[in-house]
Amino acid sequence: MRDRLVSLVEAAVARAQQGGTLPRVEMPEVTIERPARADQGDFATNFALRAKRAVGPKGPAPMDIAGAITAAI
């Protein structure tokens, strides 16, 4: 299941970059984890926070990165 989710996020990032909603820069590895608390969902990723470093200070904010990925899914 984790591998499927990683592939889904990676494909969404690629689509967002191709569509111009995310900059075409090398992004960090996508990691999927189980949250410490069950009420926070089944799986989680901090990819948008780590991707902020890749896009730089003038790039989109983590919430905008997450929104672009969500829209591309």
C-alpha atoms as a PDB file:
ATOM      1  CA  MET A   1       0.000   0.000   0.000  1.00  0.00           C
ATOM      2  CA  ARG A   2       2.804   2.428   0.863  1.00  0.00           C
ATOM      3  CA  ASP A   3       4.477   1.831  -2.492  1.00  0.00           C
ATOM      4  CA  ARG A   4       1.194   2.584  -4.261  1.00  0.00           C
ATOM      5  CA  LEU A   5       0.777   5.828  -2.331  1.00  0.00           C
ATOM      6  CA  VAL A   6       4.374   6.861  -3.051  1.00  0.00           C
ATOM      7  CA  SER A   7       3.776   6.244  -6.765  1.00  0.00           C
ATOM      8  CA  LEU A   8       0.532   8.215  -6.640  1.00  0.00           C
ATOM      9  CA  VAL A   9       2.212  11.248  -5.038  1.00  0.00           C
ATOM     10  CA  GLU A  10       5.229  11.057  -7.364  1.00  0.00           C
ATOM     11  CA  ALA A  11       2.945  10.981 -10.420  1.00  0.00           C
ATOM     12  CA  ALA A  12       0.932  13.926  -9.070  1.00  0.00           C
ATOM     13  CA  VAL A  13       4.118  15.940  -8.514  1.00  0.00           C
ATOM     14  CA  ALA A  14       5.218  15.209 -12.088  1.00  0.00           C
ATOM     15  CA  ARG A  15       1.805  16.292 -13.461  1.00  0.00           C
ATOM     16  CA  ALA A  16       1.876  19.484 -11.368  1.00  0.00           C
ATOM     17  CA  GLN A  17       5.365  20.275 -12.665  1.00  0.00           C
ATOM     18  CA  GLN A  18       4.335  19.590 -16.261  1.00  0.00           C
ATOM     19  CA  GLY A  19       1.255  21.756 -15.794  1.00  0.00           C
ATOM     20  CA  GLY A  20       3.276  24.614 -14.341  1.00  0.00           C
ATOM     21  CA  THR A  21       1.695  24.658 -10.877  1.00  0.00           C
ATOM     22  CA  LEU A  22       4.965  23.451  -9.342  1.00  0.00           C
ATOM     23  CA  PRO A  23       8.436  24.547 -10.443  1.00  0.00           C
ATOM     24  CA  ARG A  24      10.491  22.067 -12.446  1.00  0.00           C
ATOM     25  CA  VAL A  25      13.189  21.393  -9.875  1.00  0.00           C
ATOM     26  CA  GLU A  26      14.450  18.134  -8.443  1.00  0.00           C
ATOM     27  CA  MET A  27      12.146  17.208  -5.594  1.00  0.00           C
ATOM     28  CA  PRO A  28      12.951  15.189  -2.468  1.00  0.00           C
ATOM     29  CA  GLU A  29      12.017  11.553  -2.100  1.00  0.00           C
ATOM     30  CA  VAL A  30       8.368  10.886  -1.273  1.00  0.00           C
ATOM     31  CA  THR A  31       7.959   9.075   2.034  1.00  0.00           C
ATOM     32  CA  ILE A  32       4.711   7.730   3.460  1.00  0.00           C
ATOM     33  CA  GLU A  33       4.352   7.069   7.179  1.00  0.00           C
ATOM     34  CA  ARG A  34       1.740   5.968   9.639  1.00  0.00           C
ATOM     35  CA  PRO A  35       0.768   8.828  11.977  1.00  0.00           C
ATOM     36  CA  ALA A  36       1.527   8.314  15.664  1.00  0.00           C
ATOM     37  CA  ARG A  37      -2.131   8.935  16.501  1.00  0.00           C
ATOM     38  CA  ALA A  38      -4.835   6.896  14.779  1.00  0.00           C
ATOM     39  CA  ASP A  39      -7.209   9.884  14.713  1.00  0.00           C
ATOM     40  CA  GLN A  40      -4.812  11.621  12.278  1.00  0.00           C
ATOM     41  CA  GLY A  41      -5.539   9.132   9.508  1.00  0.00           C
ATOM     42  CA  ASP A  42      -4.070   5.949   8.093  1.00  0.00           C
ATOM     43  CA  PHE A  43      -1.091   7.430   6.222  1.00  0.00           C
ATOM     44  CA  ALA A  44       0.747  10.764   6.105  1.00  0.00           C
ATOM     45  CA  THR A  45       3.613  12.500   4.327  1.00  0.00           C
ATOM     46  CA  ASN A  46       5.579  15.626   5.060  1.00  0.00           C
ATOM     47  CA  PHE A  47       6.576  15.916   1.403  1.00  0.00           C
ATOM     48  CA  ALA A  48       5.204  19.457   0.963  1.00  0.00           C
ATOM     49  CA  LEU A  49       7.337  20.735   3.846  1.00  0.00           C
ATOM     50  CA  ARG A  50      10.470  19.066   2.470  1.00  0.00           C
ATOM     51  CA  ALA A  51       9.685  20.193  -1.083  1.00  0.00           C
ATOM     52  CA  LYS A  52       9.671  23.818   0.093  1.00  0.00           C
ATOM     53  CA  ARG A  53      13.439  23.587   0.544  1.00  0.00           C
ATOM     54  CA  ALA A  54      13.773  22.288  -3.041  1.00  0.00           C
ATOM     55  CA  VAL A  55      11.720  25.123  -4.575  1.00  0.00           C
ATOM     56  CA  GLY A  56      13.523  27.793  -2.563  1.00  0.00           C
ATOM     57  CA  PRO A  57      12.338  30.887  -0.719  1.00  0.00           C
ATOM     58  CA  LYS A  58      10.671  32.406  -3.782  1.00  0.00           C
ATOM     59  CA  GLY A  59       8.813  29.185  -4.601  1.00  0.00           C
ATOM     60  CA  PRO A  60       5.331  28.210  -3.448  1.00  0.00           C
ATOM     61  CA  ALA A  61       4.517  27.762   0.233  1.00  0.00           C
ATOM     62  CA  PRO A  62       4.066  24.227   1.607  1.00  0.00           C
ATOM     63  CA  MET A  63       0.270  24.610   1.626  1.00  0.00           C
ATOM     64  CA  ASP A  64       0.378  25.611  -2.050  1.00  0.00           C
ATOM     65  CA  ILE A  65       2.636  22.657  -2.850  1.00  0.00           C
ATOM     66  CA  ALA A  66       0.207  20.327  -1.059  1.00  0.00           C
ATOM     67  CA  GLY A  67      -2.719  21.919  -2.919  1.00  0.00           C
ATOM     68  CA  ALA A  68      -1.022  21.441  -6.292  1.00  0.00           C
ATOM     69  CA  ILE A  69      -0.395  17.779  -5.498  1.00  0.00           C
ATOM     70  CA  THR A  70      -3.955  17.278  -4.305  1.00  0.00           C
ATOM     71  CA  ALA A  71      -5.340  18.883  -7.452  1.00  0.00           C
ATOM     72  CA  ALA A  72      -3.132  16.662  -9.613  1.00  0.00           C
ATOM     73  CA  ILE A  73      -4.331  13.491  -7.882  1.00  0.00           C
END
